[in-house]
């Protein structure tokens, strides 16, 4: 299964993975990443069934 991932910041920046909460999606990290983490490359996935990521089963 593929997950949709938002990427913010310079490609040369150190990588950070930001994970959203139960009712969120990865895009919620965009403004925070642009304002507070501008030197980092932030990857924020939409977890299964959230945002633009698929939500089909099986769920185990």
PDB file of N, CA and C in Angstrom:
ATOM      1  N   UNK A   1       0.837  -1.170   0.000  1.00  0.00           N
ATOM      2  CA  UNK A   1       0.000   0.000   0.000  1.00  0.00           C
ATOM      3  C   UNK A   1       0.885   1.237   0.000  1.00  0.00           C
ATOM      4  N   UNK A   2       0.492   2.210  -0.782  1.00  0.00           N
ATOM      5  CA  UNK A   2       1.204   3.485  -0.846  1.00  0.00           C
ATOM      6  C   UNK A   2       0.470   4.525  -0.013  1.00  0.00           C
ATOM      7  N   UNK A   3       1.231   5.353   0.675  1.00  0.00           N
ATOM      8  CA  UNK A   3       0.659   6.453   1.443  1.00  0.00           C
ATOM      9  C   UNK A   3       1.009   7.761   0.765  1.00  0.00           C
ATOM     10  N   UNK A   4       0.098   8.722   0.825  1.00  0.00           N
ATOM     11  CA  UNK A   4       0.384  10.054   0.303  1.00  0.00           C
ATOM     12  C   UNK A   4       1.280  10.766   1.314  1.00  0.00           C
ATOM     13  N   UNK A   5       2.329  11.444   0.831  1.00  0.00           N
ATOM     14  CA  UNK A   5       3.274  12.130   1.715  1.00  0.00           C
ATOM     15  C   UNK A   5       3.460  13.567   1.249  1.00  0.00           C
ATOM     16  N   UNK A   6       3.347  14.505   2.184  1.00  0.00           N
ATOM     17  CA  UNK A   6       3.635  15.911   1.919  1.00  0.00           C
ATOM     18  C   UNK A   6       5.109  16.140   2.237  1.00  0.00           C
ATOM     19  N   UNK A   7       5.791  16.925   1.417  1.00  0.00           N
ATOM     20  CA  UNK A   7       7.191  17.263   1.668  1.00  0.00           C
ATOM     21  C   UNK A   7       7.306  18.775   1.680  1.00  0.00           C
ATOM     22  N   UNK A   8       7.922  19.313   2.738  1.00  0.00           N
ATOM     23  CA  UNK A   8       8.105  20.752   2.885  1.00  0.00           C
ATOM     24  C   UNK A   8       9.562  21.003   3.243  1.00  0.00           C
ATOM     25  N   UNK A   9      10.153  22.012   2.661  1.00  0.00           N
ATOM     26  CA  UNK A   9      11.515  22.405   3.017  1.00  0.00           C
ATOM     27  C   UNK A   9      12.525  22.072   1.945  1.00  0.00           C
ATOM     28  N   UNK A  10      13.754  22.528   2.172  1.00  0.00           N
ATOM     29  CA  UNK A  10      14.817  22.339   1.180  1.00  0.00           C
ATOM     30  C   UNK A  10      15.273  20.884   1.089  1.00  0.00           C
ATOM     31  N   UNK A  11      15.560  20.445  -0.122  1.00  0.00           N
ATOM     32  CA  UNK A  11      16.036  19.073  -0.319  1.00  0.00           C
ATOM     33  C   UNK A  11      17.347  18.811   0.395  1.00  0.00           C
ATOM     34  N   UNK A  12      18.126  19.855   0.639  1.00  0.00           N
ATOM     35  CA  UNK A  12      19.411  19.691   1.307  1.00  0.00           C
ATOM     36  C   UNK A  12      19.285  19.647   2.832  1.00  0.00           C
ATOM     37  N   UNK A  13      18.082  19.912   3.357  1.00  0.00           N
ATOM     38  CA  UNK A  13      17.882  19.931   4.810  1.00  0.00           C
ATOM     39  C   UNK A  13      17.826  18.531   5.400  1.00  0.00           C
ATOM     40  N   UNK A  14      18.149  18.453   6.694  1.00  0.00           N
ATOM     41  CA  UNK A  14      18.024  17.171   7.391  1.00  0.00           C
ATOM     42  C   UNK A  14      16.564  16.770   7.433  1.00  0.00           C
ATOM     43  N   UNK A  15      16.304  15.472   7.363  1.00  0.00           N
ATOM     44  CA  UNK A  15      14.931  14.972   7.258  1.00  0.00           C
ATOM     45  C   UNK A  15      14.263  14.806   8.617  1.00  0.00           C
ATOM     46  N   UNK A  16      12.978  15.165   8.663  1.00  0.00           N
ATOM     47  CA  UNK A  16      12.121  14.956   9.827  1.00  0.00           C
ATOM     48  C   UNK A  16      10.841  14.310   9.314  1.00  0.00           C
ATOM     49  N   UNK A  17      10.332  13.322  10.047  1.00  0.00           N
ATOM     50  CA  UNK A  17       9.039  12.725   9.726  1.00  0.00           C
ATOM     51  C   UNK A  17       8.051  13.205  10.787  1.00  0.00           C
ATOM     52  N   UNK A  18       6.957  13.829  10.349  1.00  0.00           N
ATOM     53  CA  UNK A  18       5.928  14.341  11.254  1.00  0.00           C
ATOM     54  C   UNK A  18       4.652  13.532  11.052  1.00  0.00           C
ATOM     55  N   UNK A  19       4.116  12.975  12.127  1.00  0.00           N
ATOM     56  CA  UNK A  19       2.935  12.121  12.048  1.00  0.00           C
ATOM     57  C   UNK A  19       1.749  12.824  12.706  1.00  0.00           C
ATOM     58  N   UNK A  20       0.619  12.820  12.018  1.00  0.00           N
ATOM     59  CA  UNK A  20      -0.581  13.482  12.521  1.00  0.00           C
ATOM     60  C   UNK A  20      -1.326  12.627  13.541  1.00  0.00           C
ATOM     61  N   UNK A  21      -2.301  13.237  14.212  1.00  0.00           N
ATOM     62  CA  UNK A  21      -3.129  12.544  15.190  1.00  0.00           C
ATOM     63  C   UNK A  21      -4.303  11.829  14.543  1.00  0.00           C
ATOM     64  N   UNK A  22      -5.239  11.370  15.377  1.00  0.00           N
ATOM     65  CA  UNK A  22      -6.357  10.540  14.917  1.00  0.00           C
ATOM     66  C   UNK A  22      -7.245  11.182  13.864  1.00  0.00           C
ATOM     67  N   UNK A  23      -7.546  12.454  13.995  1.00  0.00           N
ATOM     68  CA  UNK A  23      -8.460  13.095  13.049  1.00  0.00           C
ATOM     69  C   UNK A  23      -7.740  14.031  12.086  1.00  0.00           C
ATOM     70  N   UNK A  24      -6.430  13.890  11.965  1.00  0.00           N
ATOM     71  CA  UNK A  24      -5.659  14.800  11.138  1.00  0.00           C
ATOM     72  C   UNK A  24      -5.274  14.228   9.795  1.00  0.00           C
ATOM     73  N   UNK A  25      -4.382  14.937   9.150  1.00  0.00           N
ATOM     74  CA  UNK A  25      -3.775  14.500   7.892  1.00  0.00           C
ATOM     75  C   UNK A  25      -2.424  15.213   7.787  1.00  0.00           C
ATOM     76  N   UNK A  26      -1.553  14.709   6.949  1.00  0.00           N
ATOM     77  CA  UNK A  26      -0.190  15.226   6.868  1.00  0.00           C
ATOM     78  C   UNK A  26      -0.075  16.690   6.527  1.00  0.00           C
ATOM     79  N   UNK A  27      -1.014  17.222   5.753  1.00  0.00           N
ATOM     80  CA  UNK A  27      -0.956  18.620   5.345  1.00  0.00           C
ATOM     81  C   UNK A  27      -1.054  19.605   6.492  1.00  0.00           C
ATOM     82  N   UNK A  28      -1.521  19.158   7.638  1.00  0.00           N
ATOM     83  CA  UNK A  28      -1.614  20.048   8.800  1.00  0.00           C
ATOM     84  C   UNK A  28      -0.242  20.501   9.297  1.00  0.00           C
ATOM     85  N   UNK A  29       0.800  19.814   8.915  1.00  0.00           N
ATOM     86  CA  UNK A  29       2.150  20.185   9.335  1.00  0.00           C
ATOM     87  C   UNK A  29       2.769  21.274   8.466  1.00  0.00           C
ATOM     88  N   UNK A  30       2.162  21.614   7.327  1.00  0.00           N
ATOM     89  CA  UNK A  30       2.772  22.521   6.360  1.00  0.00           C
ATOM     90  C   UNK A  30       3.154  23.870   6.953  1.00  0.00           C
ATOM     91  N   UNK A  31       2.215  24.585   7.545  1.00  0.00           N
ATOM     92  CA  UNK A  31       2.485  25.929   8.063  1.00  0.00           C
ATOM     93  C   UNK A  31       3.539  25.878   9.169  1.00  0.00           C
ATOM     94  N   UNK A  32       3.408  24.924  10.095  1.00  0.00           N
ATOM     95  CA  UNK A  32       4.392  24.794  11.169  1.00  0.00           C
ATOM     96  C   UNK A  32       5.786  24.531  10.592  1.00  0.00           C
ATOM     97  N   UNK A  33       5.866  23.634   9.613  1.00  0.00           N
ATOM     98  CA  UNK A  33       7.157  23.314   9.008  1.00  0.00           C
ATOM     99  C   UNK A  33       7.761  24.527   8.306  1.00  0.00           C
ATOM    100  N   UNK A  34       6.939  25.285   7.579  1.00  0.00           N
ATOM    101  CA  UNK A  34       7.444  26.473   6.877  1.00  0.00           C
ATOM    102  C   UNK A  34       7.911  27.550   7.846  1.00  0.00           C
ATOM    103  N   UNK A  35       7.189  27.727   8.944  1.00  0.00           N
ATOM    104  CA  UNK A  35       7.515  28.803   9.883  1.00  0.00           C
ATOM    105  C   UNK A  35       8.560  28.422  10.918  1.00  0.00           C
ATOM    106  N   UNK A  36       8.554  27.190  11.399  1.00  0.00           N
ATOM    107  CA  UNK A  36       9.422  26.801  12.514  1.00  0.00           C
ATOM    108  C   UNK A  36      10.560  25.854  12.135  1.00  0.00           C
ATOM    109  N   UNK A  37      10.437  25.173  11.015  1.00  0.00           N
ATOM    110  CA  UNK A  37      11.422  24.159  10.632  1.00  0.00           C
ATOM    111  C   UNK A  37      11.962  24.412   9.230  1.00  0.00           C
ATOM    112  N   UNK A  38      12.158  25.673   8.890  1.00  0.00           N
ATOM    113  CA  UNK A  38      12.511  26.033   7.512  1.00  0.00           C
ATOM    114  C   UNK A  38      13.859  25.471   7.047  1.00  0.00           C
ATOM    115  N   UNK A  39      14.740  25.077   7.968  1.00  0.00           N
ATOM    116  CA  UNK A  39      16.036  24.505   7.595  1.00  0.00           C
ATOM    117  C   UNK A  39      15.969  22.994   7.382  1.00  0.00           C
ATOM    118  N   UNK A  40      14.819  22.398   7.683  1.00  0.00           N
ATOM    119  CA  UNK A  40      14.669  20.951   7.604  1.00  0.00           C
ATOM    120  C   UNK A  40      13.777  20.567   6.430  1.00  0.00           C
ATOM    121  N   UNK A  41      13.930  19.335   5.985  1.00  0.00           N
ATOM    122  CA  UNK A  41      13.041  18.745   4.991  1.00  0.00           C
ATOM    123  C   UNK A  41      12.040  17.891   5.779  1.00  0.00           C
ATOM    124  N   UNK A  42      10.791  18.303   5.799  1.00  0.00           N
ATOM    125  CA  UNK A  42       9.769  17.638   6.606  1.00  0.00           C
ATOM    126  C   UNK A  42       8.903  16.755   5.715  1.00  0.00           C
ATOM    127  N   UNK A  43       8.792  15.491   6.096  1.00  0.00           N
ATOM    128  CA  UNK A  43       7.929  14.536   5.411  1.00  0.00           C
ATOM    129  C   UNK A  43       6.757  14.242   6.334  1.00  0.00           C
ATOM    130  N   UNK A  44       5.540  14.473   5.842  1.00  0.00           N
ATOM    131  CA  UNK A  44       4.346  14.278   6.653  1.00  0.00           C
ATOM    132  C   UNK A  44       3.363  13.396   5.894  1.00  0.00           C
ATOM    133  N   UNK A  45       3.305  12.105   6.227  1.00  0.00           N
ATOM    134  CA  UNK A  45       2.403  11.200   5.509  1.00  0.00           C
ATOM    135  C   UNK A  45       0.960  11.339   5.974  1.00  0.00           C
ATOM    136  N   UNK A  46       0.044  11.049   5.054  1.00  0.00           N
ATOM    137  CA  UNK A  46      -1.353  10.821   5.418  1.00  0.00           C
ATOM    138  C   UNK A  46      -1.418   9.342   5.789  1.00  0.00           C
ATOM    139  N   UNK A  47      -1.714   9.035   7.042  1.00  0.00           N
ATOM    140  CA  UNK A  47      -1.795   7.641   7.448  1.00  0.00           C
ATOM    141  C   UNK A  47      -2.986   6.959   6.784  1.00  0.00           C
ATOM    142  N   UNK A  48      -3.029   5.654   6.818  1.00  0.00           N
ATOM    143  CA  UNK A  48      -4.072   4.869   6.151  1.00  0.00           C
ATOM    144  C   UNK A  48      -5.463   5.381   6.515  1.00  0.00           C
ATOM    145  N   UNK A  49      -6.254   5.701   5.490  1.00  0.00           N
ATOM    146  CA  UNK A  49      -7.616   6.156   5.687  1.00  0.00           C
ATOM    147  C   UNK A  49      -7.754   7.639   6.006  1.00  0.00           C
ATOM    148  N   UNK A  50      -6.664   8.384   5.931  1.00  0.00           N
ATOM    149  CA  UNK A  50      -6.685   9.817   6.223  1.00  0.00           C
ATOM    150  C   UNK A  50      -6.199  10.595   5.007  1.00  0.00           C
ATOM    151  N   UNK A  51      -6.684  11.825   4.855  1.00  0.00           N
ATOM    152  CA  UNK A  51      -6.224  12.671   3.758  1.00  0.00           C
ATOM    153  C   UNK A  51      -6.357  11.992   2.416  1.00  0.00           C
ATOM    154  N   UNK A  52      -5.258  11.940   1.677  1.00  0.00           N
ATOM    155  CA  UNK A  52      -5.255  11.362   0.334  1.00  0.00           C
ATOM    156  C   UNK A  52      -4.756   9.920   0.288  1.00  0.00           C
ATOM    157  N   UNK A  53      -4.506   9.303   1.448  1.00  0.00           N
ATOM    158  CA  UNK A  53      -4.079   7.901   1.480  1.00  0.00           C
ATOM    159  C   UNK A  53      -5.305   6.987   1.472  1.00  0.00           C
ATOM    160  N   UNK A  54      -5.187   5.835   0.809  1.00  0.00           N
ATOM    161  CA  UNK A  54      -6.323   4.911   0.748  1.00  0.00           C
ATOM    162  C   UNK A  54      -6.650   4.314   2.113  1.00  0.00           C
ATOM    163  N   UNK A  55      -7.883   3.897   2.281  1.00  0.00           N
ATOM    164  CA  UNK A  55      -8.310   3.336   3.542  1.00  0.00           C
ATOM    165  C   UNK A  55      -8.882   1.940   3.451  1.00  0.00           C
ATOM    166  N   UNK A  56      -8.548   1.222   2.394  1.00  0.00           N
ATOM    167  CA  UNK A  56      -9.134  -0.107   2.217  1.00  0.00           C
ATOM    168  C   UNK A  56      -8.534  -1.124   3.199  1.00  0.00           C
ATOM    169  N   UNK A  57      -9.305  -2.161   3.530  1.00  0.00           N
ATOM    170  CA  UNK A  57      -8.839  -3.202   4.444  1.00  0.00           C
ATOM    171  C   UNK A  57      -7.773  -4.063   3.781  1.00  0.00           C
ATOM    172  N   UNK A  58      -7.100  -4.951   4.460  1.00  0.00           N
ATOM    173  CA  UNK A  58      -7.437  -5.443   5.796  1.00  0.00           C
ATOM    174  C   UNK A  58      -6.815  -4.581   6.896  1.00  0.00           C
ATOM    175  N   UNK A  59      -7.506  -4.483   8.010  1.00  0.00           N
ATOM    176  CA  UNK A  59      -6.968  -3.807   9.191  1.00  0.00           C
ATOM    177  C   UNK A  59      -6.732  -4.867  10.241  1.00  0.00           C
ATOM    178  N   UNK A  60      -5.485  -5.070  10.575  1.00  0.00           N
ATOM    179  CA  UNK A  60      -5.145  -6.087  11.593  1.00  0.00           C
ATOM    180  C   UNK A  60      -4.366  -5.475  12.718  1.00  0.00           C
TER     181      UNK A  60
END
